[in-house]
């Protein structure tokens, strides 16, 4: 699972070390050498799990799909974005943070000897 590109549809085989990576940044994070540039790339589709080769010199719009399952693997990359939110700020989203202070005040004022409401419960 790539942490740089969230919607990666294929894995790419690196021509220098012959290992599979989801993006060039994943290769740079884990390897101590530069990624070798090549015009013939080997892909592994994440949908059908089959491998295929593409020549980048002759790459066409029809080559944006897996030849085995027609999965569209050339997409605009969705990268994770940092976001700061305050938990419980909106009651419509998270109502766990709400509490009714009036109920606690009423319970705190009642003593053990007061029987307000007890007679109505007995019927």
C-alpha atoms as a PDB file:
ATOM      1  CA  UNK A   1       0.000   0.000   0.000  1.00  0.00           C
ATOM      2  CA  UNK A   2       1.490   3.283  -1.110  1.00  0.00           C
ATOM      3  CA  UNK A   3       1.466   6.138   1.382  1.00  0.00           C
ATOM      4  CA  UNK A   4       2.285   8.722  -1.307  1.00  0.00           C
ATOM      5  CA  UNK A   5      -0.424   7.968  -3.889  1.00  0.00           C
ATOM      6  CA  UNK A   6      -3.718   6.803  -2.406  1.00  0.00           C
ATOM      7  CA  UNK A   7      -5.343   5.601  -5.624  1.00  0.00           C
ATOM      8  CA  UNK A   8      -2.434   3.647  -7.174  1.00  0.00           C
ATOM      9  CA  UNK A   9      -3.904   1.064  -9.554  1.00  0.00           C
ATOM     10  CA  UNK A  10      -0.655  -0.701 -10.558  1.00  0.00           C
ATOM     11  CA  UNK A  11       2.713  -1.619  -9.118  1.00  0.00           C
ATOM     12  CA  UNK A  12       5.785  -0.884 -11.200  1.00  0.00           C
ATOM     13  CA  UNK A  13       8.818  -3.144 -11.406  1.00  0.00           C
ATOM     14  CA  UNK A  14      12.024  -1.223 -10.909  1.00  0.00           C
ATOM     15  CA  UNK A  15      14.545  -1.941 -13.685  1.00  0.00           C
ATOM     16  CA  UNK A  16      17.548  -1.385 -11.395  1.00  0.00           C
ATOM     17  CA  UNK A  17      16.792  -3.697  -8.463  1.00  0.00           C
ATOM     18  CA  UNK A  18      13.879  -5.706  -9.966  1.00  0.00           C
ATOM     19  CA  UNK A  19      11.575  -5.033  -7.010  1.00  0.00           C
ATOM     20  CA  UNK A  20       7.947  -3.881  -7.107  1.00  0.00           C
ATOM     21  CA  UNK A  21       6.973  -0.354  -6.005  1.00  0.00           C
ATOM     22  CA  UNK A  22       3.806   1.707  -6.229  1.00  0.00           C
ATOM     23  CA  UNK A  23       5.622   4.959  -7.007  1.00  0.00           C
ATOM     24  CA  UNK A  24       9.109   6.390  -7.453  1.00  0.00           C
ATOM     25  CA  UNK A  25       9.010   7.935  -3.965  1.00  0.00           C
ATOM     26  CA  UNK A  26       8.465   4.474  -2.413  1.00  0.00           C
ATOM     27  CA  UNK A  27      11.611   3.307  -4.227  1.00  0.00           C
ATOM     28  CA  UNK A  28      13.586   6.313  -2.967  1.00  0.00           C
ATOM     29  CA  UNK A  29      12.398   5.728   0.625  1.00  0.00           C
ATOM     30  CA  UNK A  30      13.455   2.084   0.781  1.00  0.00           C
ATOM     31  CA  UNK A  31      16.492   1.823  -1.536  1.00  0.00           C
ATOM     32  CA  UNK A  32      19.939   3.395  -1.334  1.00  0.00           C
ATOM     33  CA  UNK A  33      20.434   3.836  -5.096  1.00  0.00           C
ATOM     34  CA  UNK A  34      18.893   6.004  -7.820  1.00  0.00           C
ATOM     35  CA  UNK A  35      15.954   4.719  -9.851  1.00  0.00           C
ATOM     36  CA  UNK A  36      17.167   3.690 -13.292  1.00  0.00           C
ATOM     37  CA  UNK A  37      15.264   5.323 -16.156  1.00  0.00           C
ATOM     38  CA  UNK A  38      13.878   3.067 -18.886  1.00  0.00           C
ATOM     39  CA  UNK A  39      11.333   3.305 -21.682  1.00  0.00           C
ATOM     40  CA  UNK A  40       9.992  -0.262 -21.311  1.00  0.00           C
ATOM     41  CA  UNK A  41       8.055  -0.609 -18.088  1.00  0.00           C
ATOM     42  CA  UNK A  42       6.596  -3.674 -16.390  1.00  0.00           C
ATOM     43  CA  UNK A  43       3.327  -3.176 -14.505  1.00  0.00           C
ATOM     44  CA  UNK A  44       1.301  -5.429 -12.192  1.00  0.00           C
ATOM     45  CA  UNK A  45      -2.413  -4.626 -12.106  1.00  0.00           C
ATOM     46  CA  UNK A  46      -3.782  -4.478  -8.557  1.00  0.00           C
ATOM     47  CA  UNK A  47      -7.258  -5.507  -9.722  1.00  0.00           C
ATOM     48  CA  UNK A  48      -6.541  -8.717 -11.658  1.00  0.00           C
ATOM     49  CA  UNK A  49      -3.001  -9.338 -10.253  1.00  0.00           C
ATOM     50  CA  UNK A  50      -1.548  -9.927 -13.750  1.00  0.00           C
ATOM     51  CA  UNK A  51       1.629  -8.398 -15.165  1.00  0.00           C
ATOM     52  CA  UNK A  52       2.060  -6.639 -18.495  1.00  0.00           C
ATOM     53  CA  UNK A  53       4.678  -4.577 -20.352  1.00  0.00           C
ATOM     54  CA  UNK A  54       4.284  -1.163 -21.949  1.00  0.00           C
ATOM     55  CA  UNK A  55       6.689   0.654 -24.243  1.00  0.00           C
ATOM     56  CA  UNK A  56       6.647   4.320 -23.232  1.00  0.00           C
ATOM     57  CA  UNK A  57       7.891   5.452 -26.665  1.00  0.00           C
ATOM     58  CA  UNK A  58       4.623   4.236 -28.195  1.00  0.00           C
ATOM     59  CA  UNK A  59       2.307   4.961 -25.234  1.00  0.00           C
ATOM     60  CA  UNK A  60      -1.170   5.874 -26.474  1.00  0.00           C
ATOM     61  CA  UNK A  61      -4.456   6.816 -24.800  1.00  0.00           C
ATOM     62  CA  UNK A  62      -5.678   3.256 -25.294  1.00  0.00           C
ATOM     63  CA  UNK A  63      -2.640   2.037 -23.301  1.00  0.00           C
ATOM     64  CA  UNK A  64      -4.046   3.598 -20.113  1.00  0.00           C
ATOM     65  CA  UNK A  65      -6.009   0.387 -19.432  1.00  0.00           C
ATOM     66  CA  UNK A  66      -4.874  -3.023 -18.221  1.00  0.00           C
ATOM     67  CA  UNK A  67      -4.872  -5.382 -21.227  1.00  0.00           C
ATOM     68  CA  UNK A  68      -6.218  -8.235 -19.059  1.00  0.00           C
ATOM     69  CA  UNK A  69      -9.131  -6.660 -17.153  1.00  0.00           C
ATOM     70  CA  UNK A  70      -9.567  -3.138 -18.647  1.00  0.00           C
ATOM     71  CA  UNK A  71      -8.782  -1.474 -15.298  1.00  0.00           C
ATOM     72  CA  UNK A  72      -7.989   2.212 -15.949  1.00  0.00           C
ATOM     73  CA  UNK A  73      -4.605   2.603 -14.235  1.00  0.00           C
ATOM     74  CA  UNK A  74      -3.556   6.054 -15.473  1.00  0.00           C
ATOM     75  CA  UNK A  75      -5.441   8.350 -13.108  1.00  0.00           C
ATOM     76  CA  UNK A  76      -4.770  11.718 -11.540  1.00  0.00           C
ATOM     77  CA  UNK A  77      -2.922  10.873  -8.335  1.00  0.00           C
ATOM     78  CA  UNK A  78      -4.721  11.451  -5.041  1.00  0.00           C
ATOM     79  CA  UNK A  79      -2.141  12.391  -2.451  1.00  0.00           C
ATOM     80  CA  UNK A  80      -2.808  12.523   1.297  1.00  0.00           C
ATOM     81  CA  UNK A  81      -3.359  16.049   2.573  1.00  0.00           C
ATOM     82  CA  UNK A  82      -2.781  17.300   6.082  1.00  0.00           C
ATOM     83  CA  UNK A  83      -5.933  18.492   7.817  1.00  0.00           C
ATOM     84  CA  UNK A  84      -6.504  19.964  11.249  1.00  0.00           C
ATOM     85  CA  UNK A  85      -9.905  19.647  12.891  1.00  0.00           C
ATOM     86  CA  UNK A  86     -11.200  20.194  16.397  1.00  0.00           C
ATOM     87  CA  UNK A  87     -12.948  17.081  17.658  1.00  0.00           C
ATOM     88  CA  UNK A  88     -16.502  17.603  18.818  1.00  0.00           C
ATOM     89  CA  UNK A  89     -16.820  21.141  17.486  1.00  0.00           C
ATOM     90  CA  UNK A  90     -19.995  20.486  15.500  1.00  0.00           C
ATOM     91  CA  UNK A  91     -22.823  18.746  17.381  1.00  0.00           C
ATOM     92  CA  UNK A  92     -24.251  17.397  14.127  1.00  0.00           C
ATOM     93  CA  UNK A  93     -21.042  15.462  13.533  1.00  0.00           C
ATOM     94  CA  UNK A  94     -20.163  14.332  17.063  1.00  0.00           C
ATOM     95  CA  UNK A  95     -22.751  14.606  19.829  1.00  0.00           C
ATOM     96  CA  UNK A  96     -20.665  12.725  22.422  1.00  0.00           C
ATOM     97  CA  UNK A  97     -19.180  16.002  23.637  1.00  0.00           C
ATOM     98  CA  UNK A  98     -22.576  17.466  24.600  1.00  0.00           C
ATOM     99  CA  UNK A  99     -23.889  17.299  28.129  1.00  0.00           C
ATOM    100  CA  UNK A 100     -26.813  18.925  29.821  1.00  0.00           C
ATOM    101  CA  UNK A 101     -25.565  20.872  32.829  1.00  0.00           C
ATOM    102  CA  UNK A 102     -29.114  21.409  34.092  1.00  0.00           C
ATOM    103  CA  UNK A 103     -29.583  17.734  34.962  1.00  0.00           C
ATOM    104  CA  UNK A 104     -26.446  17.630  37.104  1.00  0.00           C
ATOM    105  CA  UNK A 105     -27.430  20.777  38.996  1.00  0.00           C
ATOM    106  CA  UNK A 106     -30.825  19.343  39.867  1.00  0.00           C
ATOM    107  CA  UNK A 107     -29.283  16.078  41.108  1.00  0.00           C
ATOM    108  CA  UNK A 108     -26.717  17.968  43.174  1.00  0.00           C
ATOM    109  CA  UNK A 109     -29.402  20.038  44.935  1.00  0.00           C
ATOM    110  CA  UNK A 110     -31.490  17.027  45.984  1.00  0.00           C
ATOM    111  CA  UNK A 111     -30.678  15.435  49.313  1.00  0.00           C
ATOM    112  CA  UNK A 112     -31.012  11.836  50.368  1.00  0.00           C
ATOM    113  CA  UNK A 113     -34.118  12.546  52.487  1.00  0.00           C
ATOM    114  CA  UNK A 114     -36.128  14.300  49.813  1.00  0.00           C
ATOM    115  CA  UNK A 115     -38.689  12.048  48.217  1.00  0.00           C
ATOM    116  CA  UNK A 116     -39.677  14.285  45.335  1.00  0.00           C
ATOM    117  CA  UNK A 117     -41.007  12.039  42.656  1.00  0.00           C
ATOM    118  CA  UNK A 118     -40.949   8.868  44.754  1.00  0.00           C
ATOM    119  CA  UNK A 119     -44.683   8.971  45.462  1.00  0.00           C
ATOM    120  CA  UNK A 120     -45.512   9.197  41.783  1.00  0.00           C
ATOM    121  CA  UNK A 121     -43.430   6.112  41.026  1.00  0.00           C
ATOM    122  CA  UNK A 122     -45.309   3.960  43.553  1.00  0.00           C
ATOM    123  CA  UNK A 123     -48.601   4.694  41.859  1.00  0.00           C
END
